[in-house]
Amino acid sequence: MECHRCGREITEDEAYAHQGQVYCDDCLMEIGLHAGRCEPWASYLAGKERVGKSGAEGLSELQKKVYQFIKDGEKTTRDEIKTRLELSEVELDAQLSPLMHSELVKERGEAGKLFLVTVA
């Protein structure tokens, strides 16, 4: 069978049905099926890795790059980060979750657009 979004051949075990279509795991994540849900694993990892640390201490190298890019730009969009750091939406979400759960970064709406900004 084939993923409705990317066209990749997938087995029945790798297929996920959503709104009458079949998707691979990567595409299911990218279309945002899991968006808006609490991410307890990300919260746990953010807390575990950063115990006793403040600021950017305890972040992975890629998380530090994302954080620094947002900090240097004062406000930036997800698309700007994806382009500059050559990340997919899924990869960016994986890097942003610990930053947001650690309250280093947040999204702020302005003029009908969402921007990523550093907290305080």
PDB file of N, CA and C in Angstrom:
ATOM      1  N   MET A   1       0.851  -1.177   0.000  1.00  0.00           N
ATOM      2  CA  MET A   1       0.000   0.000   0.000  1.00  0.00           C
ATOM      3  C   MET A   1       0.892   1.234   0.000  1.00  0.00           C
ATOM      4  N   GLU A   2       0.296   2.371  -0.272  1.00  0.00           N
ATOM      5  CA  GLU A   2       1.054   3.606  -0.456  1.00  0.00           C
ATOM      6  C   GLU A   2       0.509   4.723   0.428  1.00  0.00           C
ATOM      7  N   CYS A   3       1.416   5.530   0.993  1.00  0.00           N
ATOM      8  CA  CYS A   3       1.016   6.674   1.810  1.00  0.00           C
ATOM      9  C   CYS A   3       0.307   7.696   0.924  1.00  0.00           C
ATOM     10  N   HIS A   4      -0.833   8.165   1.373  1.00  0.00           N
ATOM     11  CA  HIS A   4      -1.626   9.129   0.616  1.00  0.00           C
ATOM     12  C   HIS A   4      -0.889  10.451   0.405  1.00  0.00           C
ATOM     13  N   ARG A   5      -0.050  10.825   1.355  1.00  0.00           N
ATOM     14  CA  ARG A   5       0.618  12.132   1.295  1.00  0.00           C
ATOM     15  C   ARG A   5       1.936  12.104   0.528  1.00  0.00           C
ATOM     16  N   CYS A   6       2.850  11.186   0.890  1.00  0.00           N
ATOM     17  CA  CYS A   6       4.186  11.190   0.282  1.00  0.00           C
ATOM     18  C   CYS A   6       4.349  10.157  -0.826  1.00  0.00           C
ATOM     19  N   GLY A   7       3.430   9.189  -0.889  1.00  0.00           N
ATOM     20  CA  GLY A   7       3.490   8.181  -1.933  1.00  0.00           C
ATOM     21  C   GLY A   7       4.431   7.023  -1.647  1.00  0.00           C
ATOM     22  N   ARG A   8       5.045   7.019  -0.484  1.00  0.00           N
ATOM     23  CA  ARG A   8       5.987   5.954  -0.121  1.00  0.00           C
ATOM     24  C   ARG A   8       5.239   4.637   0.070  1.00  0.00           C
ATOM     25  N   GLU A   9       5.858   3.545  -0.381  1.00  0.00           N
ATOM     26  CA  GLU A   9       5.297   2.216  -0.162  1.00  0.00           C
ATOM     27  C   GLU A   9       5.439   1.847   1.305  1.00  0.00           C
ATOM     28  N   ILE A  10       4.342   1.427   1.915  1.00  0.00           N
ATOM     29  CA  ILE A  10       4.363   1.041   3.328  1.00  0.00           C
ATOM     30  C   ILE A  10       3.621  -0.280   3.495  1.00  0.00           C
ATOM     31  N   THR A  11       4.002  -1.010   4.521  1.00  0.00           N
ATOM     32  CA  THR A  11       3.307  -2.265   4.824  1.00  0.00           C
ATOM     33  C   THR A  11       2.052  -1.941   5.630  1.00  0.00           C
ATOM     34  N   GLU A  12       1.228  -2.930   5.805  1.00  0.00           N
ATOM     35  CA  GLU A  12       0.006  -2.737   6.586  1.00  0.00           C
ATOM     36  C   GLU A  12       0.339  -2.361   8.034  1.00  0.00           C
ATOM     37  N   ASP A  13       1.435  -2.916   8.567  1.00  0.00           N
ATOM     38  CA  ASP A  13       1.853  -2.599   9.934  1.00  0.00           C
ATOM     39  C   ASP A  13       2.335  -1.158  10.068  1.00  0.00           C
ATOM     40  N   GLU A  14       2.804  -0.555   8.984  1.00  0.00           N
ATOM     41  CA  GLU A  14       3.313   0.815   9.018  1.00  0.00           C
ATOM     42  C   GLU A  14       2.244   1.842   8.665  1.00  0.00           C
ATOM     43  N   ALA A  15       1.053   1.385   8.293  1.00  0.00           N
ATOM     44  CA  ALA A  15      -0.006   2.260   7.808  1.00  0.00           C
ATOM     45  C   ALA A  15      -0.919   2.739   8.934  1.00  0.00           C
ATOM     46  N   TYR A  16      -1.320   4.001   8.829  1.00  0.00           N
ATOM     47  CA  TYR A  16      -2.249   4.608   9.785  1.00  0.00           C
ATOM     48  C   TYR A  16      -3.397   5.241   9.003  1.00  0.00           C
ATOM     49  N   ALA A  17      -4.614   4.922   9.397  1.00  0.00           N
ATOM     50  CA  ALA A  17      -5.791   5.493   8.743  1.00  0.00           C
ATOM     51  C   ALA A  17      -6.192   6.772   9.461  1.00  0.00           C
ATOM     52  N   HIS A  18      -6.465   7.806   8.684  1.00  0.00           N
ATOM     53  CA  HIS A  18      -6.919   9.077   9.235  1.00  0.00           C
ATOM     54  C   HIS A  18      -7.830   9.736   8.211  1.00  0.00           C
ATOM     55  N   GLN A  19      -9.070  10.004   8.599  1.00  0.00           N
ATOM     56  CA  GLN A  19     -10.066  10.649   7.751  1.00  0.00           C
ATOM     57  C   GLN A  19     -10.181   9.972   6.384  1.00  0.00           C
ATOM     58  N   GLY A  20     -10.227   8.643   6.422  1.00  0.00           N
ATOM     59  CA  GLY A  20     -10.443   7.876   5.204  1.00  0.00           C
ATOM     60  C   GLY A  20      -9.216   7.701   4.317  1.00  0.00           C
ATOM     61  N   GLN A  21      -8.062   8.171   4.751  1.00  0.00           N
ATOM     62  CA  GLN A  21      -6.830   8.043   3.970  1.00  0.00           C
ATOM     63  C   GLN A  21      -5.809   7.228   4.755  1.00  0.00           C
ATOM     64  N   VAL A  22      -4.827   6.685   4.050  1.00  0.00           N
ATOM     65  CA  VAL A  22      -3.767   5.905   4.685  1.00  0.00           C
ATOM     66  C   VAL A  22      -2.482   6.722   4.643  1.00  0.00           C
ATOM     67  N   TYR A  23      -1.799   6.809   5.806  1.00  0.00           N
ATOM     68  CA  TYR A  23      -0.574   7.596   5.921  1.00  0.00           C
ATOM     69  C   TYR A  23       0.530   6.774   6.577  1.00  0.00           C
ATOM     70  N   CYS A  24       1.790   7.131   6.250  1.00  0.00           N
ATOM     71  CA  CYS A  24       2.924   6.583   6.988  1.00  0.00           C
ATOM     72  C   CYS A  24       3.058   7.392   8.280  1.00  0.00           C
ATOM     73  N   ASP A  25       3.875   6.915   9.202  1.00  0.00           N
ATOM     74  CA  ASP A  25       4.039   7.568  10.507  1.00  0.00           C
ATOM     75  C   ASP A  25       4.562   8.998  10.361  1.00  0.00           C
ATOM     76  N   ASP A  26       5.565   9.199   9.495  1.00  0.00           N
ATOM     77  CA  ASP A  26       6.139  10.537   9.322  1.00  0.00           C
ATOM     78  C   ASP A  26       5.094  11.538   8.839  1.00  0.00           C
ATOM     79  N   CYS A  27       4.323  11.154   7.842  1.00  0.00           N
ATOM     80  CA  CYS A  27       3.309  12.074   7.307  1.00  0.00           C
ATOM     81  C   CYS A  27       2.193  12.321   8.310  1.00  0.00           C
ATOM     82  N   LEU A  28       1.838  11.296   9.054  1.00  0.00           N
ATOM     83  CA  LEU A  28       0.810  11.468  10.077  1.00  0.00           C
ATOM     84  C   LEU A  28       1.251  12.523  11.081  1.00  0.00           C
ATOM     85  N   MET A  29       2.519  12.491  11.478  1.00  0.00           N
ATOM     86  CA  MET A  29       3.047  13.493  12.404  1.00  0.00           C
ATOM     87  C   MET A  29       3.072  14.873  11.745  1.00  0.00           C
ATOM     88  N   GLU A  30       3.474  14.933  10.482  1.00  0.00           N
ATOM     89  CA  GLU A  30       3.592  16.226   9.814  1.00  0.00           C
ATOM     90  C   GLU A  30       2.253  16.888   9.548  1.00  0.00           C
ATOM     91  N   ILE A  31       1.200  16.105   9.345  1.00  0.00           N
ATOM     92  CA  ILE A  31      -0.099  16.744   9.136  1.00  0.00           C
ATOM     93  C   ILE A  31      -0.712  17.188  10.446  1.00  0.00           C
ATOM     94  N   GLY A  32      -0.032  16.867  11.540  1.00  0.00           N
ATOM     95  CA  GLY A  32      -0.439  17.414  12.827  1.00  0.00           C
ATOM     96  C   GLY A  32      -1.503  16.653  13.560  1.00  0.00           C
ATOM     97  N   LEU A  33      -1.618  15.363  13.300  1.00  0.00           N
ATOM     98  CA  LEU A  33      -2.625  14.587  14.015  1.00  0.00           C
ATOM     99  C   LEU A  33      -2.413  14.670  15.517  1.00  0.00           C
ATOM    100  N   HIS A  34      -1.146  14.757  15.931  1.00  0.00           N
ATOM    101  CA  HIS A  34      -0.848  14.807  17.350  1.00  0.00           C
ATOM    102  C   HIS A  34      -0.733  16.234  17.871  1.00  0.00           C
ATOM    103  N   ALA A  35      -0.901  17.227  17.015  1.00  0.00           N
ATOM    104  CA  ALA A  35      -0.760  18.628  17.429  1.00  0.00           C
ATOM    105  C   ALA A  35      -1.825  19.001  18.450  1.00  0.00           C
ATOM    106  N   GLY A  36      -1.434  19.815  19.383  1.00  0.00           N
ATOM    107  CA  GLY A  36      -2.374  20.308  20.367  1.00  0.00           C
ATOM    108  C   GLY A  36      -2.587  19.390  21.553  1.00  0.00           C
ATOM    109  N   ARG A  37      -1.956  18.227  21.528  1.00  0.00           N
ATOM    110  CA  ARG A  37      -2.080  17.304  22.646  1.00  0.00           C
ATOM    111  C   ARG A  37      -0.913  17.502  23.593  1.00  0.00           C
ATOM    112  N   CYS A  38      -1.129  17.219  24.832  1.00  0.00           N
ATOM    113  CA  CYS A  38      -0.072  17.281  25.824  1.00  0.00           C
ATOM    114  C   CYS A  38       1.004  16.267  25.462  1.00  0.00           C
ATOM    115  N   GLU A  39       2.238  16.633  25.658  1.00  0.00           N
ATOM    116  CA  GLU A  39       3.339  15.738  25.353  1.00  0.00           C
ATOM    117  C   GLU A  39       4.062  15.386  26.648  1.00  0.00           C
ATOM    118  N   PRO A  40       3.536  14.418  27.396  1.00  0.00           N
ATOM    119  CA  PRO A  40       4.142  14.095  28.684  1.00  0.00           C
ATOM    120  C   PRO A  40       5.581  13.613  28.554  1.00  0.00           C
ATOM    121  N   TRP A  41       5.912  12.914  27.477  1.00  0.00           N
ATOM    122  CA  TRP A  41       7.283  12.431  27.304  1.00  0.00           C
ATOM    123  C   TRP A  41       8.230  13.615  27.151  1.00  0.00           C
ATOM    124  N   ALA A  42       7.844  14.618  26.388  1.00  0.00           N
ATOM    125  CA  ALA A  42       8.688  15.805  26.213  1.00  0.00           C
ATOM    126  C   ALA A  42       8.845  16.545  27.534  1.00  0.00           C
ATOM    127  N   SER A  43       7.782  16.630  28.299  1.00  0.00           N
ATOM    128  CA  SER A  43       7.859  17.288  29.612  1.00  0.00           C
ATOM    129  C   SER A  43       8.807  16.536  30.529  1.00  0.00           C
ATOM    130  N   TYR A  44       8.687  15.212  30.514  1.00  0.00           N
ATOM    131  CA  TYR A  44       9.555  14.393  31.361  1.00  0.00           C
ATOM    132  C   TYR A  44      11.023  14.578  30.967  1.00  0.00           C
ATOM    133  N   LEU A  45      11.310  14.490  29.664  1.00  0.00           N
ATOM    134  CA  LEU A  45      12.691  14.637  29.206  1.00  0.00           C
ATOM    135  C   LEU A  45      13.239  16.029  29.492  1.00  0.00           C
ATOM    136  N   ALA A  46      12.432  17.033  29.289  1.00  0.00           N
ATOM    137  CA  ALA A  46      12.882  18.401  29.552  1.00  0.00           C
ATOM    138  C   ALA A  46      13.242  18.555  31.025  1.00  0.00           C
ATOM    139  N   GLY A  47      12.434  18.013  31.906  1.00  0.00           N
ATOM    140  CA  GLY A  47      12.719  18.108  33.330  1.00  0.00           C
ATOM    141  C   GLY A  47      13.898  17.260  33.743  1.00  0.00           C
ATOM    142  N   LYS A  48      13.983  16.031  33.242  1.00  0.00           N
ATOM    143  CA  LYS A  48      15.043  15.097  33.618  1.00  0.00           C
ATOM    144  C   LYS A  48      16.409  15.597  33.163  1.00  0.00           C
ATOM    145  N   GLU A  49      16.499  16.068  31.931  1.00  0.00           N
ATOM    146  CA  GLU A  49      17.773  16.492  31.375  1.00  0.00           C
ATOM    147  C   GLU A  49      18.235  17.830  31.954  1.00  0.00           C
ATOM    148  N   ARG A  50      17.319  18.615  32.481  1.00  0.00           N
ATOM    149  CA  ARG A  50      17.666  19.966  32.889  1.00  0.00           C
ATOM    150  C   ARG A  50      17.622  20.171  34.395  1.00  0.00           C
ATOM    151  N   VAL A  51      17.495  19.105  35.160  1.00  0.00           N
ATOM    152  CA  VAL A  51      17.421  19.245  36.617  1.00  0.00           C
ATOM    153  C   VAL A  51      18.645  20.008  37.117  1.00  0.00           C
ATOM    154  N   GLY A  52      18.396  21.084  37.860  1.00  0.00           N
ATOM    155  CA  GLY A  52      19.474  21.891  38.417  1.00  0.00           C
ATOM    156  C   GLY A  52      20.172  22.782  37.411  1.00  0.00           C
ATOM    157  N   LYS A  53      19.619  22.906  36.224  1.00  0.00           N
ATOM    158  CA  LYS A  53      20.258  23.717  35.183  1.00  0.00           C
ATOM    159  C   LYS A  53      19.338  24.867  34.822  1.00  0.00           C
ATOM    160  N   SER A  54      19.934  25.955  34.357  1.00  0.00           N
ATOM    161  CA  SER A  54      19.114  27.096  33.943  1.00  0.00           C
ATOM    162  C   SER A  54      19.561  27.551  32.572  1.00  0.00           C
ATOM    163  N   GLY A  55      18.731  28.395  31.952  1.00  0.00           N
ATOM    164  CA  GLY A  55      19.064  28.896  30.617  1.00  0.00           C
ATOM    165  C   GLY A  55      19.213  27.758  29.628  1.00  0.00           C
ATOM    166  N   ALA A  56      20.229  27.839  28.790  1.00  0.00           N
ATOM    167  CA  ALA A  56      20.435  26.847  27.739  1.00  0.00           C
ATOM    168  C   ALA A  56      21.276  25.660  28.196  1.00  0.00           C
ATOM    169  N   GLU A  57      21.618  25.617  29.490  1.00  0.00           N
ATOM    170  CA  GLU A  57      22.376  24.477  30.002  1.00  0.00           C
ATOM    171  C   GLU A  57      21.551  23.204  29.854  1.00  0.00           C
ATOM    172  N   GLY A  58      22.190  22.118  29.492  1.00  0.00           N
ATOM    173  CA  GLY A  58      21.506  20.835  29.398  1.00  0.00           C
ATOM    174  C   GLY A  58      20.787  20.596  28.090  1.00  0.00           C
ATOM    175  N   LEU A  59      20.866  21.540  27.149  1.00  0.00           N
ATOM    176  CA  LEU A  59      20.244  21.345  25.848  1.00  0.00           C
ATOM    177  C   LEU A  59      21.191  20.592  24.926  1.00  0.00           C
ATOM    178  N   SER A  60      20.624  19.866  23.951  1.00  0.00           N
ATOM    179  CA  SER A  60      21.456  19.219  22.939  1.00  0.00           C
ATOM    180  C   SER A  60      22.041  20.305  22.037  1.00  0.00           C
ATOM    181  N   GLU A  61      23.014  19.951  21.226  1.00  0.00           N
ATOM    182  CA  GLU A  61      23.633  20.930  20.327  1.00  0.00           C
ATOM    183  C   GLU A  61      22.601  21.518  19.362  1.00  0.00           C
ATOM    184  N   LEU A  62      21.730  20.668  18.821  1.00  0.00           N
ATOM    185  CA  LEU A  62      20.714  21.163  17.888  1.00  0.00           C
ATOM    186  C   LEU A  62      19.705  22.054  18.595  1.00  0.00           C
ATOM    187  N   GLN A  63      19.312  21.703  19.812  1.00  0.00           N
ATOM    188  CA  GLN A  63      18.397  22.557  20.579  1.00  0.00           C
ATOM    189  C   GLN A  63      19.037  23.907  20.847  1.00  0.00           C
ATOM    190  N   LYS A  64      20.339  23.920  21.134  1.00  0.00           N
ATOM    191  CA  LYS A  64      21.053  25.180  21.342  1.00  0.00           C
ATOM    192  C   LYS A  64      21.059  26.025  20.079  1.00  0.00           C
ATOM    193  N   LYS A  65      21.233  25.393  18.920  1.00  0.00           N
ATOM    194  CA  LYS A  65      21.219  26.130  17.645  1.00  0.00           C
ATOM    195  C   LYS A  65      19.846  26.754  17.407  1.00  0.00           C
ATOM    196  N   VAL A  66      18.799  25.975  17.637  1.00  0.00           N
ATOM    197  CA  VAL A  66      17.430  26.487  17.458  1.00  0.00           C
ATOM    198  C   VAL A  66      17.186  27.635  18.427  1.00  0.00           C
ATOM    199  N   TYR A  67      17.536  27.440  19.689  1.00  0.00           N
ATOM    200  CA  TYR A  67      17.348  28.467  20.708  1.00  0.00           C
ATOM    201  C   TYR A  67      18.117  29.742  20.348  1.00  0.00           C
ATOM    202  N   GLN A  68      19.368  29.603  19.945  1.00  0.00           N
ATOM    203  CA  GLN A  68      20.192  30.767  19.599  1.00  0.00           C
ATOM    204  C   GLN A  68      19.632  31.497  18.383  1.00  0.00           C
ATOM    205  N   PHE A  69      19.139  30.741  17.397  1.00  0.00           N
ATOM    206  CA  PHE A  69      18.541  31.355  16.206  1.00  0.00           C
ATOM    207  C   PHE A  69      17.328  32.195  16.590  1.00  0.00           C
ATOM    208  N   ILE A  70      16.490  31.660  17.467  1.00  0.00           N
ATOM    209  CA  ILE A  70      15.312  32.406  17.926  1.00  0.00           C
ATOM    210  C   ILE A  70      15.747  33.626  18.735  1.00  0.00           C
ATOM    211  N   LYS A  71      16.709  33.439  19.616  1.00  0.00           N
ATOM    212  CA  LYS A  71      17.199  34.527  20.471  1.00  0.00           C
ATOM    213  C   LYS A  71      17.828  35.646  19.644  1.00  0.00           C
ATOM    214  N   ASP A  72      18.637  35.292  18.663  1.00  0.00           N
ATOM    215  CA  ASP A  72      19.300  36.291  17.819  1.00  0.00           C
ATOM    216  C   ASP A  72      18.308  37.083  16.968  1.00  0.00           C
ATOM    217  N   GLY A  73      17.233  36.408  16.547  1.00  0.00           N
ATOM    218  CA  GLY A  73      16.256  37.068  15.684  1.00  0.00           C
ATOM    219  C   GLY A  73      15.174  37.811  16.432  1.00  0.00           C
ATOM    220  N   GLU A  74      15.134  37.698  17.731  1.00  0.00           N
ATOM    221  CA  GLU A  74      14.109  38.282  18.597  1.00  0.00           C
ATOM    222  C   GLU A  74      12.745  37.651  18.381  1.00  0.00           C
ATOM    223  N   LYS A  75      12.344  37.468  17.154  1.00  0.00           N
ATOM    224  CA  LYS A  75      11.136  36.715  16.835  1.00  0.00           C
ATOM    225  C   LYS A  75      11.341  36.116  15.443  1.00  0.00           C
ATOM    226  N   THR A  76      10.909  34.897  15.308  1.00  0.00           N
ATOM    227  CA  THR A  76      11.102  34.206  14.035  1.00  0.00           C
ATOM    228  C   THR A  76       9.958  33.230  13.816  1.00  0.00           C
ATOM    229  N   THR A  77       9.789  32.784  12.605  1.00  0.00           N
ATOM    230  CA  THR A  77       8.743  31.815  12.292  1.00  0.00           C
ATOM    231  C   THR A  77       9.341  30.420  12.224  1.00  0.00           C
ATOM    232  N   ARG A  78       8.473  29.441  12.331  1.00  0.00           N
ATOM    233  CA  ARG A  78       8.907  28.052  12.190  1.00  0.00           C
ATOM    234  C   ARG A  78       9.560  27.836  10.823  1.00  0.00           C
ATOM    235  N   ASP A  79       8.974  28.421   9.789  1.00  0.00           N
ATOM    236  CA  ASP A  79       9.518  28.238   8.437  1.00  0.00           C
ATOM    237  C   ASP A  79      10.930  28.795   8.316  1.00  0.00           C
ATOM    238  N   GLU A  80      11.204  29.913   8.962  1.00  0.00           N
ATOM    239  CA  GLU A  80      12.554  30.484   8.926  1.00  0.00           C
ATOM    240  C   GLU A  80      13.563  29.538   9.573  1.00  0.00           C
ATOM    241  N   ILE A  81      13.187  28.946  10.684  1.00  0.00           N
ATOM    242  CA  ILE A  81      14.093  28.009  11.363  1.00  0.00           C
ATOM    243  C   ILE A  81      14.287  26.757  10.521  1.00  0.00           C
ATOM    244  N   LYS A  82      13.190  26.218   9.974  1.00  0.00           N
ATOM    245  CA  LYS A  82      13.300  25.008   9.153  1.00  0.00           C
ATOM    246  C   LYS A  82      14.221  25.244   7.966  1.00  0.00           C
ATOM    247  N   THR A  83      14.084  26.391   7.319  1.00  0.00           N
ATOM    248  CA  THR A  83      14.919  26.706   6.161  1.00  0.00           C
ATOM    249  C   THR A  83      16.374  26.885   6.565  1.00  0.00           C
ATOM    250  N   ARG A  84      16.616  27.691   7.577  1.00  0.00           N
ATOM    251  CA  ARG A  84      17.988  28.006   7.993  1.00  0.00           C
ATOM    252  C   ARG A  84      18.741  26.791   8.525  1.00  0.00           C
ATOM    253  N   LEU A  85      18.066  25.960   9.306  1.00  0.00           N
ATOM    254  CA  LEU A  85      18.725  24.808   9.924  1.00  0.00           C
ATOM    255  C   LEU A  85      18.452  23.498   9.176  1.00  0.00           C
ATOM    256  N   GLU A  86      17.740  23.594   8.059  1.00  0.00           N
ATOM    257  CA  GLU A  86      17.424  22.442   7.209  1.00  0.00           C
ATOM    258  C   GLU A  86      16.750  21.318   7.997  1.00  0.00           C
ATOM    259  N   LEU A  87      15.631  21.663   8.645  1.00  0.00           N
ATOM    260  CA  LEU A  87      14.869  20.715   9.447  1.00  0.00           C
ATOM    261  C   LEU A  87      13.484  20.509   8.852  1.00  0.00           C
ATOM    262  N   SER A  88      12.936  19.307   9.029  1.00  0.00           N
ATOM    263  CA  SER A  88      11.538  19.066   8.662  1.00  0.00           C
ATOM    264  C   SER A  88      10.660  19.569   9.801  1.00  0.00           C
ATOM    265  N   GLU A  89       9.375  19.605   9.588  1.00  0.00           N
ATOM    266  CA  GLU A  89       8.445  20.022  10.639  1.00  0.00           C
ATOM    267  C   GLU A  89       8.546  19.100  11.848  1.00  0.00           C
ATOM    268  N   VAL A  90       8.662  17.807  11.594  1.00  0.00           N
ATOM    269  CA  VAL A  90       8.772  16.831  12.686  1.00  0.00           C
ATOM    270  C   VAL A  90      10.061  17.052  13.469  1.00  0.00           C
ATOM    271  N   GLU A  91      11.175  17.257  12.767  1.00  0.00           N
ATOM    272  CA  GLU A  91      12.453  17.496  13.442  1.00  0.00           C
ATOM    273  C   GLU A  91      12.407  18.777  14.269  1.00  0.00           C
ATOM    274  N   LEU A  92      11.803  19.821  13.705  1.00  0.00           N
ATOM    275  CA  LEU A  92      11.699  21.080  14.440  1.00  0.00           C
ATOM    276  C   LEU A  92      10.849  20.913  15.691  1.00  0.00           C
ATOM    277  N   ASP A  93       9.727  20.227  15.568  1.00  0.00           N
ATOM    278  CA  ASP A  93       8.869  19.988  16.739  1.00  0.00           C
ATOM    279  C   ASP A  93       9.624  19.251  17.837  1.00  0.00           C
ATOM    280  N   ALA A  94      10.443  18.281  17.442  1.00  0.00           N
ATOM    281  CA  ALA A  94      11.221  17.526  18.425  1.00  0.00           C
ATOM    282  C   ALA A  94      12.217  18.419  19.164  1.00  0.00           C
ATOM    283  N   GLN A  95      12.733  19.440  18.497  1.00  0.00           N
ATOM    284  CA  GLN A  95      13.682  20.351  19.134  1.00  0.00           C
ATOM    285  C   GLN A  95      12.967  21.417  19.959  1.00  0.00           C
ATOM    286  N   LEU A  96      11.807  21.850  19.500  1.00  0.00           N
ATOM    287  CA  LEU A  96      11.072  22.908  20.200  1.00  0.00           C
ATOM    288  C   LEU A  96      10.381  22.423  21.470  1.00  0.00           C
ATOM    289  N   SER A  97       9.941  21.166  21.498  1.00  0.00           N
ATOM    290  CA  SER A  97       9.209  20.666  22.671  1.00  0.00           C
ATOM    291  C   SER A  97       9.977  20.876  23.970  1.00  0.00           C
ATOM    292  N   PRO A  98      11.244  20.448  24.050  1.00  0.00           N
ATOM    293  CA  PRO A  98      11.969  20.683  25.313  1.00  0.00           C
ATOM    294  C   PRO A  98      12.178  22.174  25.595  1.00  0.00           C
ATOM    295  N   LEU A  99      12.374  22.976  24.554  1.00  0.00           N
ATOM    296  CA  LEU A  99      12.560  24.419  24.749  1.00  0.00           C
ATOM    297  C   LEU A  99      11.299  25.057  25.307  1.00  0.00           C
ATOM    298  N   MET A 100      10.146  24.631  24.814  1.00  0.00           N
ATOM    299  CA  MET A 100       8.879  25.181  25.288  1.00  0.00           C
ATOM    300  C   MET A 100       8.532  24.656  26.673  1.00  0.00           C
ATOM    301  N   HIS A 101       8.752  23.368  26.901  1.00  0.00           N
ATOM    302  CA  HIS A 101       8.445  22.795  28.208  1.00  0.00           C
ATOM    303  C   HIS A 101       9.372  23.333  29.288  1.00  0.00           C
ATOM    304  N   SER A 102      10.559  23.759  28.900  1.00  0.00           N
ATOM    305  CA  SER A 102      11.508  24.357  29.853  1.00  0.00           C
ATOM    306  C   SER A 102      11.287  25.856  29.985  1.00  0.00           C
ATOM    307  N   GLU A 103      10.289  26.360  29.279  1.00  0.00           N
ATOM    308  CA  GLU A 103       9.934  27.781  29.282  1.00  0.00           C
ATOM    309  C   GLU A 103      11.086  28.682  28.849  1.00  0.00           C
ATOM    310  N   LEU A 104      11.830  28.221  27.840  1.00  0.00           N
ATOM    311  CA  LEU A 104      12.866  29.045  27.219  1.00  0.00           C
ATOM    312  C   LEU A 104      12.315  29.750  25.986  1.00  0.00           C
ATOM    313  N   VAL A 105      11.326  29.123  25.343  1.00  0.00           N
ATOM    314  CA  VAL A 105      10.752  29.626  24.094  1.00  0.00           C
ATOM    315  C   VAL A 105       9.237  29.490  24.168  1.00  0.00           C
ATOM    316  N   LYS A 106       8.545  30.419  23.521  1.00  0.00           N
ATOM    317  CA  LYS A 106       7.091  30.301  23.400  1.00  0.00           C
ATOM    318  C   LYS A 106       6.681  30.836  22.033  1.00  0.00           C
ATOM    319  N   GLU A 107       5.454  30.514  21.631  1.00  0.00           N
ATOM    320  CA  GLU A 107       4.903  31.058  20.392  1.00  0.00           C
ATOM    321  C   GLU A 107       3.998  32.216  20.749  1.00  0.00           C
ATOM    322  N   ARG A 108       4.098  33.278  19.957  1.00  0.00           N
ATOM    323  CA  ARG A 108       3.295  34.469  20.190  1.00  0.00           C
ATOM    324  C   ARG A 108       2.659  34.883  18.863  1.00  0.00           C
ATOM    325  N   GLY A 109       1.371  35.146  18.903  1.00  0.00           N
ATOM    326  CA  GLY A 109       0.661  35.602  17.719  1.00  0.00           C
ATOM    327  C   GLY A 109       0.791  37.109  17.562  1.00  0.00           C
ATOM    328  N   GLU A 110       1.042  37.521  16.323  1.00  0.00           N
ATOM    329  CA  GLU A 110       1.170  38.949  16.034  1.00  0.00           C
ATOM    330  C   GLU A 110       0.787  39.179  14.576  1.00  0.00           C
ATOM    331  N   ALA A 111      -0.146  40.043  14.344  1.00  0.00           N
ATOM    332  CA  ALA A 111      -0.602  40.384  12.998  1.00  0.00           C
ATOM    333  C   ALA A 111      -1.011  39.128  12.222  1.00  0.00           C
ATOM    334  N   GLY A 112      -1.702  38.214  12.894  1.00  0.00           N
ATOM    335  CA  GLY A 112      -2.203  37.007  12.235  1.00  0.00           C
ATOM    336  C   GLY A 112      -1.133  35.971  11.925  1.00  0.00           C
ATOM    337  N   LYS A 113       0.031  36.099  12.509  1.00  0.00           N
ATOM    338  CA  LYS A 113       1.141  35.187  12.255  1.00  0.00           C
ATOM    339  C   LYS A 113       1.715  34.717  13.577  1.00  0.00           C
ATOM    340  N   LEU A 114       2.180  33.460  13.643  1.00  0.00           N
ATOM    341  CA  LEU A 114       2.808  32.943  14.864  1.00  0.00           C
ATOM    342  C   LEU A 114       4.316  33.104  14.789  1.00  0.00           C
ATOM    343  N   PHE A 115       4.885  33.642  15.856  1.00  0.00           N
ATOM    344  CA  PHE A 115       6.329  33.830  15.947  1.00  0.00           C
ATOM    345  C   PHE A 115       6.852  33.064  17.149  1.00  0.00           C
ATOM    346  N   LEU A 116       8.061  32.557  17.047  1.00  0.00           N
ATOM    347  CA  LEU A 116       8.751  31.951  18.175  1.00  0.00           C
ATOM    348  C   LEU A 116       9.621  33.029  18.789  1.00  0.00           C
ATOM    349  N   VAL A 117       9.525  33.170  20.105  1.00  0.00           N
ATOM    350  CA  VAL A 117      10.290  34.179  20.825  1.00  0.00           C
ATOM    351  C   VAL A 117      10.870  33.539  22.083  1.00  0.00           C
ATOM    352  N   THR A 118      11.935  34.114  22.594  1.00  0.00           N
ATOM    353  CA  THR A 118      12.492  33.635  23.853  1.00  0.00           C
ATOM    354  C   THR A 118      11.664  34.216  25.004  1.00  0.00           C
ATOM    355  N   VAL A 119      11.639  33.507  26.110  1.00  0.00           N
ATOM    356  CA  VAL A 119      10.899  33.929  27.290  1.00  0.00           C
ATOM    357  C   VAL A 119      11.836  34.747  28.170  1.00  0.00           C
ATOM    358  N   ALA A 120      11.363  35.929  28.547  1.00  0.00           N
ATOM    359  CA  ALA A 120      12.109  36.871  29.379  1.00  0.00           C
ATOM    360  C   ALA A 120      13.494  36.925  28.893  1.00  0.00           C
TER     361      ALA A 120
END
